[in-house]
Every structure is written in structure tokens, then in C-alpha cells.
Amino acid sequence: MKYIPILWGAPSCWIERFPLFYGVEKHFFQDLGVCPEVAVHHGGPELLQAVRDNRVHVGEIGLPPFLAAFSQGLPARIIGSTFIRSLDHFLVARPGIHSLTALRGRRIGILSRGSCDDYFIRRLLQHREIDPDNEATLVPLGNAYGDSACFASGRIDAGFMVEPALSFGESRGIFHVLARVGDFFPRYQWGGIFAADSWIQHHRDLLTALMAGYRQSVRQMAADPEACIPLGSQRFHVDPAVFRSALNRHLPNMELDARIDLEGLDNCIQIQVALGAISKEIRTEEMIVQF
């Protein structure tokens, strides 16, 4: 069957991209006439600039930077949720650092300035009365994000890790978990799948097929997680046991229908307003076109 390749922009390459790889391997997308091709831009702001430059038409991103860009006129809308809907991010630290308070004076890795990591670490540090600008050093890692060597070399003392790098580092004793970000944001819509306005207007059939393939992939992952292990191990260059641990960590909270949690999205908006990341509240009906 013929299919149309669709460039899918992403700010990083970790387990949140796995439904795309898995769906392509199983031909869920191709059987519907489309095929996502993942392009990594190493940061939310970098990805959003690619949207403005018309280099990315569909993709996924954490919502804090997307909200800020949308409030400033970004020509894109949210069309669904990633399978990791809530904040299953983990702040980890090198051995010997056992609390958030102990991060005072430390070097903390983030993806990039203005990324979701930047927002979250500021909130967590402020929760412990640590000034993130003067009492800690935030280190943008770019394409080194998620590399455990940053900890082993002493480049950073702490940082956010996502799967499967989290399970890999834990298995090697390189770092340990200090906090789960979701515990600080109990109801929060984290990951969004977006499409450029021009695609929503002119390619609704392709977007419908793309989201149908995405849902099918996620549902199959949940129904038979063991079948995912060989591809996950190969794709992320980790042992099968590491990818199994990574996938199992997310299984209890997986969003199977790409459904946006409207209350969680509203909480996300409220937090960004409180942080000063956006100057006014955004009406969700202006931002969402679900497929």
C-alpha cells in the first residue's frame, strides 16, 4: 500500500517517541496511508522555531513552551495527547545527594533554556526556597541531554532523566531518583501532539489517519508490552531488561486514546500564568482541535 511520509518534529528522542517507532514497525501507520518520520530538534524552543519556519507541520512537545509560543501567535494547535499524559519525569542526582535541599550550589542539567525542564526545576527549587538563578547553576545540555556520562564526568550533579536513560543509569548506580515531578503537579497535562494551522485546514484526512495509527500503536503497547522489548532495546541501545523496566514504569499511567485532560491542561495554563511564562490565560477551545 502506498503511504505519505509525514515529518514529525520532537524536542528529544526518548520513550515518548516509541509509539511512532513501534507503529511504523508494525505498519499501523502505513496501513492507514501515512508514515511519521521523526526529526529531533534538541529542545522545545528549537522545535517551535522550526514550526514558525514552516519546517515542521506535525509533532509533539511538552506544553509549557508550547503555551508560551501559542500566546505569542504560534500558528499551530494541539490535536491530541501523547501516551505519557501526566508528568512522569524524574529528577535524579549523583550518589551522595539525597534531597532537593542539597541541590543548593549544585550544577543541574536541563534540555535548553525555556524548555520544560527549565520551568520544572525552577518550581522544584523554589519549593525548597532555593533561588534557581543565584543558588544553583542550570546547565543546558542540548544533544547531551539524557546522557549518563554528564553525571559520571561531573558536568552536572543532578538533572531530569527520562526513560530509558533513567532505568539505564539506575541499573549502573550512576544516579538515583530524588523526586517525581508529577508529585509537585498532581493534575497536569504534560505532552501534546500538535499540528500547524495550515495542516489542520488542508490535511485533515492525513491528521485523522496519523492519530488513528498513533492510538493503535499505544493500545498495542499496553496490551502486549513484552512484544515491544526487542525494538525498544534496539532503538534506544539498551539491554532488554532496561527497556522492560522503562516501559513498566509508564504502563500504569498510559493514556491509550490520545485524550487531552482538560482539567490538567487548565492547571498547566494556570501555572504558566503564575510563573509569568505567559501574560494572560488561554482559552482551551482556542488551542485544541482533536482528531
Protein backbone atom coordinates (compact mmCIF):
# COMPACT_ATOMS: atom_id res chain seq x y z
CA MET A 1 0.00 0.00 0.00
CA LYS A 2 1.24 3.48 -0.82
CA TYR A 3 1.61 5.93 2.04
CA ILE A 4 2.53 9.55 2.57
CA PRO A 5 5.62 10.27 4.74
CA ILE A 6 4.95 12.97 7.34
CA LEU A 7 7.77 14.77 9.17
CA TRP A 8 7.10 14.51 12.91
CA GLY A 9 9.05 17.05 14.96
CA ALA A 10 10.17 16.27 18.51
CA PRO A 11 12.31 18.09 21.10
CA SER A 12 14.21 14.94 22.10
CA CYS A 13 14.36 11.21 21.44
CA TRP A 14 13.24 9.12 24.38
CA ILE A 15 10.49 6.68 25.26
CA GLU A 16 7.70 9.16 24.46
CA ARG A 17 8.62 8.69 20.79
CA PHE A 18 8.35 4.91 20.99
CA PRO A 19 4.72 4.64 19.75
CA LEU A 20 5.92 6.16 16.48
CA PHE A 21 8.76 3.68 16.03
CA TYR A 22 6.58 0.76 17.10
CA GLY A 23 3.66 1.78 14.90
CA VAL A 24 5.95 2.06 11.89
CA GLU A 25 7.50 -1.35 12.56
CA LYS A 26 4.04 -2.92 12.85
CA HIS A 27 2.76 -0.97 9.80
CA PHE A 28 -0.11 0.55 11.79
CA PHE A 29 0.52 3.93 10.16
CA GLN A 30 1.36 2.67 6.69
CA ASP A 31 -1.83 0.61 6.55
CA LEU A 32 -3.72 3.88 7.02
CA GLY A 33 -1.81 5.64 4.23
CA VAL A 34 0.66 7.69 6.30
CA CYS A 35 4.06 7.24 7.92
CA PRO A 36 5.67 9.54 10.53
CA GLU A 37 9.37 10.29 10.18
CA VAL A 38 10.82 11.61 13.43
CA ALA A 39 13.07 14.69 13.33
CA VAL A 40 14.68 15.66 16.67
CA HIS A 41 15.38 19.35 17.35
CA HIS A 42 17.00 19.05 20.83
CA GLY A 43 14.74 21.40 22.75
CA GLY A 44 11.24 22.87 22.81
CA PRO A 45 12.24 26.39 21.67
CA GLU A 46 14.24 24.92 18.79
CA LEU A 47 11.29 22.80 17.71
CA LEU A 48 8.89 25.73 17.91
CA GLN A 49 11.19 27.84 15.75
CA ALA A 50 11.06 25.07 13.15
CA VAL A 51 7.25 25.34 13.26
CA ARG A 52 7.45 29.09 12.68
CA ASP A 53 9.85 28.49 9.79
CA ASN A 54 7.39 26.02 8.24
CA ARG A 55 9.95 23.21 8.59
CA VAL A 56 7.71 21.16 10.92
CA HIS A 57 4.00 20.57 10.39
CA VAL A 58 3.19 17.88 12.98
CA GLY A 59 4.91 16.84 16.18
CA GLU A 60 4.88 16.58 19.93
CA ILE A 61 6.13 18.76 22.73
CA GLY A 62 5.78 19.45 26.44
CA LEU A 63 3.05 22.01 26.88
CA PRO A 64 4.82 24.79 28.87
CA PRO A 65 6.90 26.09 25.93
CA PHE A 66 4.03 25.44 23.54
CA LEU A 67 1.66 27.58 25.64
CA ALA A 68 4.13 30.44 25.71
CA ALA A 69 4.59 30.27 21.94
CA PHE A 70 0.85 29.92 21.29
CA SER A 71 0.13 33.02 23.39
CA GLN A 72 2.54 34.87 21.08
CA GLY A 73 0.83 33.73 17.88
CA LEU A 74 2.34 30.34 17.05
CA PRO A 75 0.32 29.04 14.05
CA ALA A 76 -0.38 25.59 15.50
CA ARG A 77 -2.97 23.77 17.63
CA ILE A 78 -2.96 20.76 19.95
CA ILE A 79 -4.59 17.76 18.26
CA GLY A 80 -4.11 15.11 20.97
CA SER A 81 -2.15 13.87 23.96
CA THR A 82 0.98 11.75 23.94
CA PHE A 83 0.72 8.41 25.72
CA ILE A 84 2.60 9.97 28.65
CA ARG A 85 -0.10 12.43 29.60
CA SER A 86 0.96 13.17 33.18
CA LEU A 87 4.34 14.32 34.45
CA ASP A 88 6.28 11.08 34.68
CA HIS A 89 9.60 12.92 34.72
CA PHE A 90 12.16 12.20 37.42
CA LEU A 91 14.79 14.44 38.98
CA VAL A 92 17.89 12.40 39.70
CA ALA A 93 21.19 13.12 41.42
CA ARG A 94 24.62 11.63 41.78
CA PRO A 95 25.33 9.41 44.82
CA GLY A 96 25.74 11.45 47.97
CA ILE A 97 22.97 13.94 47.14
CA HIS A 98 19.86 12.81 48.97
CA SER A 99 17.40 15.72 48.98
CA LEU A 100 16.23 18.72 46.99
CA THR A 101 17.69 20.98 49.65
CA ALA A 102 21.12 19.50 48.93
CA LEU A 103 20.92 20.93 45.40
CA ARG A 104 21.85 24.39 46.66
CA GLY A 105 25.11 25.33 44.92
CA ARG A 106 24.94 22.37 42.51
CA ARG A 107 25.03 22.13 38.73
CA ILE A 108 21.70 20.91 37.35
CA GLY A 109 21.23 19.72 33.78
CA ILE A 110 18.29 20.85 31.63
CA LEU A 111 17.49 20.31 27.97
CA SER A 112 17.65 24.01 26.99
CA ARG A 113 16.75 27.49 28.22
CA GLY A 114 13.00 27.90 28.11
CA SER A 115 12.41 24.15 27.87
CA CYS A 116 10.03 22.26 30.13
CA ASP A 117 12.98 21.25 32.29
CA ASP A 118 13.76 24.92 32.85
CA TYR A 119 10.21 25.53 34.10
CA PHE A 120 10.09 22.45 36.32
CA ILE A 121 13.45 22.76 38.04
CA ARG A 122 12.71 26.36 38.94
CA ARG A 123 9.45 25.29 40.57
CA LEU A 124 11.08 22.42 42.48
CA LEU A 125 13.98 24.57 43.71
CA GLN A 126 11.67 27.41 44.75
CA HIS A 127 9.63 24.83 46.68
CA ARG A 128 12.78 24.34 48.80
CA GLU A 129 13.47 28.12 48.95
CA ILE A 130 16.44 27.86 46.58
CA ASP A 131 16.89 30.70 44.09
CA PRO A 132 17.48 28.92 40.74
CA ASP A 133 19.34 31.93 39.30
CA ASN A 134 21.70 32.63 42.19
CA GLU A 135 21.92 29.49 44.32
CA ALA A 136 22.22 26.85 41.61
CA THR A 137 23.63 26.61 38.10
CA LEU A 138 21.32 25.42 35.33
CA VAL A 139 23.31 23.74 32.54
CA PRO A 140 21.69 23.42 29.07
CA LEU A 141 22.73 20.03 27.69
CA GLY A 142 21.23 20.06 24.17
CA ASN A 143 22.04 16.81 22.39
CA ALA A 144 23.83 15.53 25.52
CA TYR A 145 20.51 15.50 27.38
CA GLY A 146 19.82 12.08 28.84
CA ASP A 147 23.48 11.01 28.61
CA SER A 148 24.58 9.46 31.89
CA ALA A 149 28.16 10.46 31.07
CA CYS A 150 27.22 14.01 32.10
CA PHE A 151 26.85 12.71 35.65
CA ALA A 152 29.83 10.38 35.59
CA SER A 153 32.12 13.16 34.36
CA GLY A 154 30.91 15.68 36.95
CA ARG A 155 29.50 18.03 34.32
CA ILE A 156 26.25 18.04 36.30
CA ASP A 157 25.26 16.90 39.78
CA ALA A 158 21.55 16.49 39.09
CA GLY A 159 19.06 16.69 36.28
CA PHE A 160 15.86 15.37 34.81
CA MET A 161 16.07 11.91 33.31
CA VAL A 162 13.51 10.18 31.17
CA GLU A 163 13.20 6.59 30.07
CA PRO A 164 15.01 4.52 29.09
CA ALA A 165 18.03 6.55 30.22
CA LEU A 166 16.57 6.64 33.73
CA SER A 167 16.47 2.85 34.10
CA PHE A 168 19.91 2.55 32.50
CA GLY A 169 21.53 4.98 34.93
CA GLU A 170 19.81 3.43 37.93
CA SER A 171 20.97 -0.05 36.90
CA ARG A 172 24.57 1.22 36.78
CA GLY A 173 24.42 3.14 40.06
CA ILE A 174 25.25 6.40 38.28
CA PHE A 175 22.40 8.31 39.90
CA HIS A 176 19.24 7.79 41.93
CA VAL A 177 15.80 9.37 41.94
CA LEU A 178 15.31 12.45 44.13
CA ALA A 179 11.77 13.38 43.09
CA ARG A 180 9.00 12.60 40.64
CA VAL A 181 7.89 15.83 39.01
CA GLY A 182 4.27 14.68 38.91
CA ASP A 183 4.17 14.74 42.71
CA PHE A 184 4.54 18.53 42.54
CA PHE A 185 1.92 18.87 39.78
CA PRO A 186 -0.77 16.29 40.68
CA ARG A 187 -3.18 17.05 37.82
CA TYR A 188 -1.26 18.30 34.83
CA GLN A 189 -1.48 17.74 31.06
CA TRP A 190 2.10 17.19 30.08
CA GLY A 191 2.64 16.05 26.50
CA GLY A 192 0.79 17.44 23.50
CA ILE A 193 0.68 16.37 19.86
CA PHE A 194 0.34 19.44 17.65
CA ALA A 195 -0.31 20.30 14.02
CA ALA A 196 0.32 23.50 12.11
CA ASP A 197 -2.81 25.50 11.33
CA SER A 198 -2.23 25.03 7.60
CA TRP A 199 -2.34 21.25 8.02
CA ILE A 200 -5.48 21.40 10.13
CA GLN A 201 -7.10 23.43 7.38
CA HIS A 202 -5.91 21.45 4.37
CA HIS A 203 -4.88 17.94 5.50
CA ARG A 204 -7.49 16.81 7.99
CA ASP A 205 -7.67 13.36 6.39
CA LEU A 206 -3.95 12.81 6.92
CA LEU A 207 -4.12 14.02 10.52
CA THR A 208 -7.07 11.73 11.21
CA ALA A 209 -5.13 8.76 9.84
CA LEU A 210 -1.99 9.76 11.73
CA MET A 211 -3.79 9.93 15.08
CA ALA A 212 -5.61 6.65 14.41
CA GLY A 213 -2.27 4.95 13.83
CA TYR A 214 -0.86 6.52 16.98
CA ARG A 215 -3.77 5.25 19.10
CA GLN A 216 -3.46 1.78 17.63
CA SER A 217 0.24 1.68 18.44
CA VAL A 218 -0.22 2.82 22.05
CA ARG A 219 -3.06 0.37 22.68
CA GLN A 220 -0.98 -2.49 21.34
CA MET A 221 1.94 -1.45 23.56
CA ALA A 222 -0.32 -1.64 26.59
CA ALA A 223 -1.91 -4.93 25.53
CA ASP A 224 1.39 -6.73 24.85
CA PRO A 225 4.33 -4.86 26.39
CA GLU A 226 6.68 -7.83 26.03
CA ALA A 227 6.36 -7.58 22.25
CA CYS A 228 7.85 -4.07 22.47
CA ILE A 229 11.08 -5.12 24.19
CA PRO A 230 13.17 -6.17 21.16
CA LEU A 231 12.52 -2.95 19.20
CA GLY A 232 12.86 -0.75 22.30
CA SER A 233 16.18 -2.36 23.19
CA GLN A 234 17.47 -1.92 19.64
CA ARG A 235 16.11 1.60 19.09
CA PHE A 236 17.49 3.03 22.35
CA HIS A 237 20.64 0.89 22.52
CA VAL A 238 19.92 -0.58 25.96
CA ASP A 239 19.64 -4.09 27.34
CA PRO A 240 16.21 -5.69 27.07
CA ALA A 241 15.89 -5.66 30.87
CA VAL A 242 16.49 -1.90 30.93
CA PHE A 243 13.82 -1.19 28.33
CA ARG A 244 11.42 -3.53 30.12
CA SER A 245 11.94 -1.52 33.33
CA ALA A 246 11.45 1.73 31.41
CA LEU A 247 8.20 0.61 29.83
CA ASN A 248 6.84 -0.88 33.05
CA ARG A 249 7.40 2.42 34.84
CA HIS A 250 4.95 4.10 32.45
CA LEU A 251 2.36 1.36 31.94
CA PRO A 252 0.12 2.24 34.93
CA ASN A 253 -0.43 5.81 33.71
CA MET A 254 -0.50 5.37 29.94
CA GLU A 255 -3.06 7.43 28.00
CA LEU A 256 -4.48 5.00 25.43
CA ASP A 257 -6.76 7.31 23.45
CA ALA A 258 -4.59 10.42 22.94
CA ARG A 259 -7.22 12.22 25.02
CA ILE A 260 -6.45 15.68 26.41
CA ASP A 261 -7.13 16.05 30.13
CA LEU A 262 -8.92 19.42 30.02
CA GLU A 263 -8.65 19.99 33.76
CA GLY A 264 -4.97 19.08 33.63
CA LEU A 265 -4.47 21.45 30.70
CA ASP A 266 -6.20 24.25 32.59
CA ASN A 267 -3.89 23.61 35.56
CA CYS A 268 -0.91 23.76 33.21
CA ILE A 269 -2.12 27.13 31.87
CA GLN A 270 -2.71 28.50 35.38
CA ILE A 271 0.79 27.50 36.46
CA GLN A 272 2.37 29.15 33.44
CA VAL A 273 0.45 32.36 34.14
CA ALA A 274 1.60 32.27 37.78
CA LEU A 275 5.21 31.75 36.68
CA GLY A 276 4.97 34.68 34.28
CA ALA A 277 5.70 32.44 31.30
CA ILE A 278 2.54 33.68 29.60
CA SER A 279 0.92 37.04 30.23
CA LYS A 280 -2.71 36.00 30.04
CA GLU A 281 -4.82 32.91 30.30
CA ILE A 282 -5.53 30.95 27.13
CA ARG A 283 -8.95 29.55 26.39
CA THR A 284 -8.58 25.85 25.73
CA GLU A 285 -11.20 25.86 22.97
CA GLU A 286 -8.94 28.22 21.02
CA MET A 287 -5.99 25.87 21.25
CA ILE A 288 -7.39 22.35 20.76
CA VAL A 289 -8.62 20.60 17.62
CA GLN A 290 -8.86 16.92 18.46
CA PHE A 291 -8.64 14.21 15.80
